[in-house]
Amino acid sequence: MSRKRFFGSIWLAAALCSSNASAEDTPAPAMEPAVAAPTDPRHVPKLNIRWDCGECERNDKVPPLIEQAYAEEAAENQARVSDSDVAEVAIVDIRQRPPGVRVMFGVMAGRDRLGLRVKYRDRVFEVSDTSANIVMGLNHLSASVGKSVFEELSTQMPR
């Protein structure tokens, strides 16, 4: 295979990949709902997040990331986060691998962990997640547990 043909093949493959990627990245147009949305959407409680993990190494970016993922999941499910109704959330377990160590050593560096205890009305439950992924760290776990909290709390909300 000649050098010109080889580089032409690589260029063509790259062009095809980039055109497929841009087509996949473009969101599909929103579909019109078949039924009109109710005038009073579901409400879920807002989260009051505090630390309760003893001598753990705290990361101040975690509570806002959990709240953000919770609010995004609520919006995605046509629910509104209440201003007055509150669920008490305690971060009871956290372990974060240093980013450099996570990328260099991956699974050998251990796992990131994030665990929450949620108290809402007369119900107490726990959600947690772990990850040994070299790319996704505590941001991913914060989003995951935020979504899990929404799923748990929304099961007892009116629809």
N, C-alpha and C. Protein backbone atom coordinates (compact mmCIF):
# COMPACT_ATOMS: atom_id res chain seq x y z
N MET A 1 0.85 -1.17 0.00
CA MET A 1 0.00 0.00 0.00
C MET A 1 0.90 1.23 0.00
N SER A 2 0.61 2.15 -0.89
CA SER A 2 1.44 3.35 -0.97
C SER A 2 1.17 4.24 0.23
N ARG A 3 2.13 5.09 0.50
CA ARG A 3 2.04 6.01 1.63
C ARG A 3 0.84 6.96 1.47
N LYS A 4 0.62 7.44 0.24
CA LYS A 4 -0.49 8.36 -0.02
C LYS A 4 -1.83 7.66 0.24
N ARG A 5 -1.96 6.43 -0.22
CA ARG A 5 -3.20 5.69 -0.03
C ARG A 5 -3.41 5.37 1.46
N PHE A 6 -2.33 5.03 2.16
CA PHE A 6 -2.42 4.72 3.59
C PHE A 6 -2.95 5.93 4.37
N PHE A 7 -2.34 7.11 4.17
CA PHE A 7 -2.79 8.30 4.90
C PHE A 7 -4.18 8.75 4.45
N GLY A 8 -4.51 8.51 3.19
CA GLY A 8 -5.86 8.80 2.71
C GLY A 8 -6.89 7.94 3.42
N SER A 9 -6.55 6.66 3.64
CA SER A 9 -7.46 5.76 4.36
C SER A 9 -7.64 6.20 5.80
N ILE A 10 -6.56 6.61 6.44
CA ILE A 10 -6.65 7.09 7.82
C ILE A 10 -7.50 8.35 7.87
N TRP A 11 -7.29 9.27 6.94
CA TRP A 11 -8.08 10.50 6.93
C TRP A 11 -9.56 10.19 6.73
N LEU A 12 -9.87 9.28 5.82
CA LEU A 12 -11.26 8.90 5.56
C LEU A 12 -11.90 8.27 6.80
N ALA A 13 -11.17 7.39 7.47
CA ALA A 13 -11.70 6.75 8.69
C ALA A 13 -11.94 7.79 9.77
N ALA A 14 -11.03 8.73 9.93
CA ALA A 14 -11.19 9.78 10.93
C ALA A 14 -12.38 10.67 10.60
N ALA A 15 -12.56 10.98 9.32
CA ALA A 15 -13.68 11.82 8.91
C ALA A 15 -15.00 11.11 9.17
N LEU A 16 -15.06 9.81 8.88
CA LEU A 16 -16.28 9.05 9.13
C LEU A 16 -16.59 8.96 10.62
N CYS A 17 -15.55 8.74 11.41
CA CYS A 17 -15.76 8.67 12.87
C CYS A 17 -16.25 10.00 13.41
N SER A 18 -15.65 11.10 12.96
CA SER A 18 -16.06 12.40 13.50
C SER A 18 -17.46 12.77 13.04
N SER A 19 -17.85 12.37 11.82
CA SER A 19 -19.21 12.68 11.38
C SER A 19 -20.22 11.85 12.15
N ASN A 20 -19.90 10.59 12.48
CA ASN A 20 -20.79 9.76 13.29
C ASN A 20 -20.88 10.30 14.70
N ALA A 21 -19.76 10.74 15.26
CA ALA A 21 -19.77 11.27 16.62
C ALA A 21 -20.60 12.53 16.70
N SER A 22 -20.49 13.41 15.70
CA SER A 22 -21.26 14.65 15.77
C SER A 22 -22.74 14.38 15.58
N ALA A 23 -23.08 13.36 14.81
CA ALA A 23 -24.49 13.01 14.64
C ALA A 23 -25.05 12.42 15.93
N GLU A 24 -24.23 11.64 16.66
CA GLU A 24 -24.68 11.06 17.92
C GLU A 24 -24.77 12.11 19.00
N ASP A 25 -23.90 13.12 18.98
CA ASP A 25 -23.89 14.15 20.00
C ASP A 25 -25.05 15.11 19.86
N THR A 26 -25.62 15.20 18.66
CA THR A 26 -26.73 16.11 18.44
C THR A 26 -27.98 15.51 19.03
N PRO A 27 -28.61 16.23 19.99
CA PRO A 27 -29.80 15.65 20.60
C PRO A 27 -30.96 15.59 19.62
N ALA A 28 -31.77 14.56 19.79
CA ALA A 28 -32.95 14.41 18.95
C ALA A 28 -33.96 15.49 19.33
N PRO A 29 -34.77 15.94 18.39
CA PRO A 29 -35.76 16.94 18.73
C PRO A 29 -36.73 16.39 19.77
N ALA A 30 -37.16 17.26 20.66
CA ALA A 30 -38.05 16.84 21.74
C ALA A 30 -39.40 16.43 21.18
N MET A 31 -39.93 15.36 21.72
CA MET A 31 -41.23 14.87 21.30
C MET A 31 -42.30 15.61 22.10
N GLU A 32 -43.41 15.88 21.47
CA GLU A 32 -44.54 16.50 22.16
C GLU A 32 -45.17 15.46 23.08
N PRO A 33 -45.48 15.82 24.33
CA PRO A 33 -46.11 14.84 25.21
C PRO A 33 -47.50 14.47 24.71
N ALA A 34 -47.85 13.21 24.86
CA ALA A 34 -49.16 12.75 24.40
C ALA A 34 -50.27 13.27 25.30
N VAL A 35 -49.94 13.43 26.58
CA VAL A 35 -50.92 13.91 27.55
C VAL A 35 -50.37 15.21 28.15
N ALA A 36 -51.22 16.17 28.36
CA ALA A 36 -50.78 17.44 28.94
C ALA A 36 -50.25 17.20 30.34
N ALA A 37 -49.20 17.93 30.69
CA ALA A 37 -48.61 17.80 32.02
C ALA A 37 -49.58 18.33 33.06
N PRO A 38 -49.60 17.71 34.25
CA PRO A 38 -50.50 18.19 35.28
C PRO A 38 -50.10 19.59 35.73
N THR A 39 -51.07 20.35 36.22
CA THR A 39 -50.77 21.72 36.65
C THR A 39 -49.97 21.74 37.93
N ASP A 40 -50.08 20.69 38.75
CA ASP A 40 -49.33 20.62 40.00
C ASP A 40 -48.36 19.45 39.91
N PRO A 41 -47.11 19.70 39.54
CA PRO A 41 -46.16 18.59 39.37
C PRO A 41 -45.83 17.95 40.72
N ARG A 42 -45.27 16.79 40.65
CA ARG A 42 -44.82 16.11 41.87
C ARG A 42 -43.79 16.95 42.59
N HIS A 43 -43.79 16.85 43.89
CA HIS A 43 -42.79 17.53 44.71
C HIS A 43 -41.92 16.49 45.39
N VAL A 44 -40.66 16.78 45.50
CA VAL A 44 -39.75 15.97 46.30
C VAL A 44 -39.08 16.91 47.29
N PRO A 45 -38.68 16.42 48.45
CA PRO A 45 -38.09 17.31 49.45
C PRO A 45 -36.71 17.80 49.02
N LYS A 46 -36.35 18.98 49.51
CA LYS A 46 -34.98 19.43 49.27
C LYS A 46 -34.07 18.69 50.23
N LEU A 47 -32.79 18.66 49.92
CA LEU A 47 -31.82 17.92 50.71
C LEU A 47 -31.05 18.86 51.64
N ASN A 48 -30.96 18.50 52.89
CA ASN A 48 -30.12 19.20 53.85
C ASN A 48 -28.95 18.26 54.15
N ILE A 49 -27.82 18.50 53.50
CA ILE A 49 -26.70 17.57 53.56
C ILE A 49 -25.69 18.04 54.61
N ARG A 50 -25.27 17.09 55.44
CA ARG A 50 -24.25 17.37 56.47
C ARG A 50 -23.27 16.20 56.51
N TRP A 51 -22.15 16.45 57.12
CA TRP A 51 -21.11 15.43 57.25
C TRP A 51 -21.33 14.66 58.55
N ASP A 52 -21.25 13.34 58.51
CA ASP A 52 -21.37 12.50 59.69
C ASP A 52 -20.52 11.25 59.48
N CYS A 53 -19.26 11.48 59.11
CA CYS A 53 -18.38 10.35 58.81
C CYS A 53 -17.15 10.35 59.72
N GLY A 54 -17.27 10.98 60.88
CA GLY A 54 -16.17 10.97 61.84
C GLY A 54 -14.96 11.72 61.32
N GLU A 55 -13.84 11.03 61.31
CA GLU A 55 -12.56 11.63 60.93
C GLU A 55 -12.27 11.51 59.43
N CYS A 56 -13.29 11.33 58.63
CA CYS A 56 -13.07 11.16 57.19
C CYS A 56 -12.50 12.44 56.58
N GLU A 57 -11.88 12.27 55.43
CA GLU A 57 -11.35 13.43 54.70
C GLU A 57 -12.49 14.01 53.87
N ARG A 58 -12.94 15.18 54.25
CA ARG A 58 -14.11 15.81 53.61
C ARG A 58 -13.71 16.53 52.33
N ASN A 59 -14.63 16.51 51.39
CA ASN A 59 -14.42 17.20 50.12
C ASN A 59 -15.64 18.12 49.94
N ASP A 60 -15.42 19.42 50.02
CA ASP A 60 -16.53 20.38 50.01
C ASP A 60 -17.30 20.42 48.70
N LYS A 61 -16.78 19.84 47.64
CA LYS A 61 -17.51 19.86 46.37
C LYS A 61 -18.59 18.77 46.32
N VAL A 62 -18.55 17.80 47.22
CA VAL A 62 -19.48 16.67 47.17
C VAL A 62 -20.93 17.08 47.44
N PRO A 63 -21.25 17.79 48.55
CA PRO A 63 -22.66 18.13 48.77
C PRO A 63 -23.33 18.88 47.61
N PRO A 64 -22.68 19.92 47.04
CA PRO A 64 -23.33 20.58 45.89
C PRO A 64 -23.51 19.65 44.68
N LEU A 65 -22.59 18.73 44.46
CA LEU A 65 -22.71 17.79 43.34
C LEU A 65 -23.88 16.83 43.56
N ILE A 66 -24.08 16.40 44.80
CA ILE A 66 -25.22 15.53 45.11
C ILE A 66 -26.52 16.29 44.88
N GLU A 67 -26.59 17.52 45.39
CA GLU A 67 -27.80 18.34 45.22
C GLU A 67 -28.09 18.60 43.75
N GLN A 68 -27.05 18.87 42.97
CA GLN A 68 -27.22 19.14 41.55
C GLN A 68 -27.78 17.92 40.82
N ALA A 69 -27.21 16.76 41.08
CA ALA A 69 -27.69 15.54 40.43
C ALA A 69 -29.13 15.23 40.85
N TYR A 70 -29.44 15.47 42.11
CA TYR A 70 -30.80 15.24 42.63
C TYR A 70 -31.79 16.17 41.92
N ALA A 71 -31.44 17.45 41.80
CA ALA A 71 -32.32 18.42 41.14
C ALA A 71 -32.48 18.11 39.65
N GLU A 72 -31.40 17.69 39.00
CA GLU A 72 -31.47 17.34 37.58
C GLU A 72 -32.36 16.12 37.36
N GLU A 73 -32.24 15.14 38.24
CA GLU A 73 -33.08 13.94 38.13
C GLU A 73 -34.54 14.30 38.37
N ALA A 74 -34.79 15.19 39.32
CA ALA A 74 -36.16 15.64 39.58
C ALA A 74 -36.73 16.33 38.34
N ALA A 75 -35.97 17.24 37.76
CA ALA A 75 -36.44 17.96 36.57
C ALA A 75 -36.70 17.00 35.41
N GLU A 76 -35.83 16.02 35.27
CA GLU A 76 -35.98 15.03 34.20
C GLU A 76 -37.26 14.21 34.37
N ASN A 77 -37.71 14.07 35.61
CA ASN A 77 -38.90 13.28 35.91
C ASN A 77 -40.11 14.16 36.22
N GLN A 78 -40.07 15.40 35.76
CA GLN A 78 -41.17 16.36 35.94
C GLN A 78 -41.56 16.53 37.40
N ALA A 79 -40.59 16.56 38.27
CA ALA A 79 -40.83 16.78 39.70
C ALA A 79 -40.16 18.10 40.08
N ARG A 80 -40.66 18.70 41.15
CA ARG A 80 -40.11 19.96 41.62
C ARG A 80 -39.56 19.75 43.02
N VAL A 81 -38.36 20.30 43.28
CA VAL A 81 -37.77 20.21 44.60
C VAL A 81 -38.45 21.25 45.48
N SER A 82 -38.99 20.80 46.59
CA SER A 82 -39.73 21.66 47.50
C SER A 82 -38.81 22.67 48.19
N ASP A 83 -39.38 23.82 48.52
CA ASP A 83 -38.63 24.82 49.28
C ASP A 83 -38.78 24.61 50.78
N SER A 84 -39.86 23.96 51.20
CA SER A 84 -40.15 23.83 52.63
C SER A 84 -39.99 22.42 53.17
N ASP A 85 -40.27 21.41 52.37
CA ASP A 85 -40.17 20.02 52.79
C ASP A 85 -38.70 19.61 52.70
N VAL A 86 -38.14 19.03 53.79
CA VAL A 86 -36.71 18.77 53.84
C VAL A 86 -36.43 17.31 54.23
N ALA A 87 -35.48 16.72 53.53
CA ALA A 87 -34.95 15.40 53.88
C ALA A 87 -33.54 15.63 54.45
N GLU A 88 -33.27 15.03 55.60
CA GLU A 88 -31.96 15.14 56.23
C GLU A 88 -31.03 14.08 55.65
N VAL A 89 -29.91 14.52 55.12
CA VAL A 89 -28.96 13.61 54.48
C VAL A 89 -27.61 13.73 55.19
N ALA A 90 -27.07 12.60 55.59
CA ALA A 90 -25.76 12.58 56.24
C ALA A 90 -24.78 11.80 55.36
N ILE A 91 -23.64 12.38 55.11
CA ILE A 91 -22.58 11.66 54.40
C ILE A 91 -21.88 10.81 55.46
N VAL A 92 -22.07 9.50 55.38
CA VAL A 92 -21.55 8.60 56.42
C VAL A 92 -20.30 7.85 55.99
N ASP A 93 -19.99 7.84 54.70
CA ASP A 93 -18.81 7.14 54.22
C ASP A 93 -18.28 7.83 52.98
N ILE A 94 -17.00 8.11 52.98
CA ILE A 94 -16.39 8.71 51.79
C ILE A 94 -14.92 8.29 51.74
N ARG A 95 -14.50 7.93 50.57
CA ARG A 95 -13.08 7.67 50.31
C ARG A 95 -12.81 8.14 48.89
N GLN A 96 -11.84 9.00 48.76
CA GLN A 96 -11.47 9.48 47.43
C GLN A 96 -10.01 9.20 47.19
N ARG A 97 -9.75 8.50 46.09
CA ARG A 97 -8.36 8.29 45.69
C ARG A 97 -7.85 9.60 45.11
N PRO A 98 -6.61 9.96 45.38
CA PRO A 98 -6.07 11.15 44.71
C PRO A 98 -6.13 10.95 43.20
N PRO A 99 -6.54 11.99 42.44
CA PRO A 99 -6.71 11.83 40.99
C PRO A 99 -5.49 11.26 40.27
N GLY A 100 -4.30 11.72 40.61
CA GLY A 100 -3.10 11.21 39.95
C GLY A 100 -2.88 9.74 40.22
N VAL A 101 -3.09 9.33 41.45
CA VAL A 101 -2.94 7.93 41.82
C VAL A 101 -4.02 7.09 41.13
N ARG A 102 -5.24 7.63 41.08
CA ARG A 102 -6.35 6.92 40.43
C ARG A 102 -6.01 6.64 38.97
N VAL A 103 -5.47 7.65 38.27
CA VAL A 103 -5.17 7.48 36.85
C VAL A 103 -3.95 6.59 36.66
N MET A 104 -2.93 6.74 37.49
CA MET A 104 -1.71 5.95 37.33
C MET A 104 -1.89 4.47 37.68
N PHE A 105 -2.60 4.21 38.78
CA PHE A 105 -2.66 2.85 39.29
C PHE A 105 -4.03 2.20 39.14
N GLY A 106 -5.06 2.98 38.78
CA GLY A 106 -6.39 2.42 38.53
C GLY A 106 -6.92 1.59 39.66
N VAL A 107 -7.29 0.34 39.36
CA VAL A 107 -7.90 -0.56 40.34
C VAL A 107 -6.94 -0.84 41.49
N MET A 108 -5.65 -0.85 41.22
CA MET A 108 -4.68 -1.14 42.28
C MET A 108 -4.67 -0.03 43.34
N ALA A 109 -5.21 1.14 43.04
CA ALA A 109 -5.27 2.23 44.01
C ALA A 109 -6.49 2.10 44.92
N GLY A 110 -7.28 1.06 44.72
CA GLY A 110 -8.48 0.86 45.54
C GLY A 110 -9.70 1.43 44.86
N ARG A 111 -10.71 1.71 45.66
CA ARG A 111 -11.99 2.19 45.13
C ARG A 111 -12.35 3.50 45.79
N ASP A 112 -13.04 4.37 45.03
CA ASP A 112 -13.68 5.54 45.61
C ASP A 112 -14.99 5.05 46.19
N ARG A 113 -15.40 5.63 47.34
CA ARG A 113 -16.67 5.24 47.98
C ARG A 113 -17.41 6.50 48.40
N LEU A 114 -18.74 6.40 48.35
CA LEU A 114 -19.57 7.48 48.87
C LEU A 114 -20.86 6.85 49.38
N GLY A 115 -21.16 7.09 50.65
CA GLY A 115 -22.36 6.53 51.26
C GLY A 115 -23.15 7.59 52.00
N LEU A 116 -24.47 7.55 51.87
CA LEU A 116 -25.35 8.52 52.51
C LEU A 116 -26.41 7.79 53.35
N ARG A 117 -26.82 8.43 54.43
CA ARG A 117 -27.98 8.00 55.21
C ARG A 117 -29.02 9.11 55.09
N VAL A 118 -30.21 8.75 54.68
CA VAL A 118 -31.27 9.73 54.43
C VAL A 118 -32.42 9.49 55.41
N LYS A 119 -32.85 10.57 56.06
CA LYS A 119 -34.02 10.53 56.95
C LYS A 119 -35.06 11.47 56.37
N TYR A 120 -36.23 10.90 56.09
CA TYR A 120 -37.33 11.70 55.57
C TYR A 120 -38.61 11.21 56.21
N ARG A 121 -39.27 12.10 56.92
CA ARG A 121 -40.48 11.78 57.68
C ARG A 121 -40.15 10.62 58.61
N ASP A 122 -40.83 9.49 58.51
CA ASP A 122 -40.55 8.37 59.41
C ASP A 122 -39.73 7.27 58.73
N ARG A 123 -39.07 7.61 57.65
CA ARG A 123 -38.31 6.62 56.88
C ARG A 123 -36.82 6.94 56.91
N VAL A 124 -35.99 5.92 57.11
CA VAL A 124 -34.54 6.06 57.07
C VAL A 124 -34.01 5.01 56.10
N PHE A 125 -33.15 5.44 55.18
CA PHE A 125 -32.56 4.49 54.23
C PHE A 125 -31.15 4.95 53.89
N GLU A 126 -30.38 4.06 53.32
CA GLU A 126 -29.01 4.38 52.92
C GLU A 126 -28.84 4.14 51.43
N VAL A 127 -28.02 4.98 50.82
CA VAL A 127 -27.61 4.78 49.43
C VAL A 127 -26.10 4.92 49.39
N SER A 128 -25.48 4.18 48.50
CA SER A 128 -24.03 4.26 48.37
C SER A 128 -23.62 3.78 46.99
N ASP A 129 -22.40 4.11 46.64
CA ASP A 129 -21.84 3.64 45.38
C ASP A 129 -20.33 3.60 45.53
N THR A 130 -19.70 2.74 44.75
CA THR A 130 -18.25 2.65 44.72
C THR A 130 -17.79 2.60 43.28
N SER A 131 -16.54 2.95 43.07
CA SER A 131 -16.00 2.89 41.71
C SER A 131 -14.49 2.72 41.76
N ALA A 132 -14.00 1.85 40.90
CA ALA A 132 -12.56 1.67 40.73
C ALA A 132 -12.13 2.17 39.36
N ASN A 133 -13.01 2.86 38.67
CA ASN A 133 -12.75 3.38 37.34
C ASN A 133 -11.62 4.40 37.39
N ILE A 134 -10.73 4.39 36.40
CA ILE A 134 -9.61 5.33 36.43
C ILE A 134 -10.02 6.72 35.95
N VAL A 135 -11.11 6.83 35.22
CA VAL A 135 -11.52 8.11 34.67
C VAL A 135 -12.52 8.81 35.58
N MET A 136 -13.53 8.08 36.01
CA MET A 136 -14.60 8.69 36.81
C MET A 136 -14.27 8.59 38.29
N GLY A 137 -14.27 9.73 38.95
CA GLY A 137 -13.95 9.76 40.37
C GLY A 137 -15.16 10.12 41.21
N LEU A 138 -14.94 10.98 42.18
CA LEU A 138 -15.97 11.33 43.14
C LEU A 138 -17.10 12.14 42.52
N ASN A 139 -16.84 12.86 41.44
CA ASN A 139 -17.93 13.58 40.76
C ASN A 139 -18.98 12.58 40.27
N HIS A 140 -18.53 11.50 39.68
CA HIS A 140 -19.43 10.48 39.17
C HIS A 140 -20.21 9.82 40.31
N LEU A 141 -19.53 9.52 41.42
CA LEU A 141 -20.21 8.90 42.56
C LEU A 141 -21.23 9.85 43.17
N SER A 142 -20.90 11.13 43.25
CA SER A 142 -21.84 12.12 43.79
C SER A 142 -23.11 12.16 42.95
N ALA A 143 -22.95 12.15 41.64
CA ALA A 143 -24.11 12.15 40.75
C ALA A 143 -24.91 10.86 40.91
N SER A 144 -24.23 9.75 41.04
CA SER A 144 -24.91 8.46 41.17
C SER A 144 -25.74 8.39 42.45
N VAL A 145 -25.18 8.80 43.58
CA VAL A 145 -25.96 8.73 44.82
C VAL A 145 -27.05 9.79 44.85
N GLY A 146 -26.83 10.94 44.21
CA GLY A 146 -27.88 11.95 44.11
C GLY A 146 -29.09 11.42 43.36
N LYS A 147 -28.84 10.70 42.27
CA LYS A 147 -29.94 10.08 41.51
C LYS A 147 -30.62 8.98 42.31
N SER A 148 -29.83 8.21 43.06
CA SER A 148 -30.41 7.15 43.88
C SER A 148 -31.30 7.71 44.98
N VAL A 149 -30.90 8.83 45.58
CA VAL A 149 -31.72 9.47 46.61
C VAL A 149 -33.04 9.91 45.99
N PHE A 150 -32.98 10.51 44.80
CA PHE A 150 -34.22 10.91 44.13
C PHE A 150 -35.13 9.71 43.90
N GLU A 151 -34.58 8.63 43.39
CA GLU A 151 -35.39 7.44 43.11
C GLU A 151 -36.07 6.93 44.38
N GLU A 152 -35.33 6.89 45.48
CA GLU A 152 -35.89 6.42 46.75
C GLU A 152 -36.99 7.35 47.26
N LEU A 153 -36.72 8.66 47.23
CA LEU A 153 -37.69 9.61 47.76
C LEU A 153 -38.90 9.77 46.85
N SER A 154 -38.72 9.63 45.56
CA SER A 154 -39.84 9.83 44.64
C SER A 154 -40.80 8.66 44.65
N THR A 155 -40.40 7.51 45.17
CA THR A 155 -41.30 6.36 45.21
C THR A 155 -42.44 6.58 46.20
N GLN A 156 -42.25 7.47 47.17
CA GLN A 156 -43.34 7.72 48.13
C GLN A 156 -44.03 9.05 47.90
N MET A 157 -43.71 9.73 46.80
CA MET A 157 -44.36 11.00 46.47
C MET A 157 -45.59 10.73 45.62
N PRO A 158 -46.59 11.62 45.68
CA PRO A 158 -47.76 11.45 44.81
C PRO A 158 -47.36 11.64 43.36
N ARG A 159 -48.01 10.92 42.48
CA ARG A 159 -47.68 11.01 41.05
C ARG A 159 -48.66 11.86 40.32
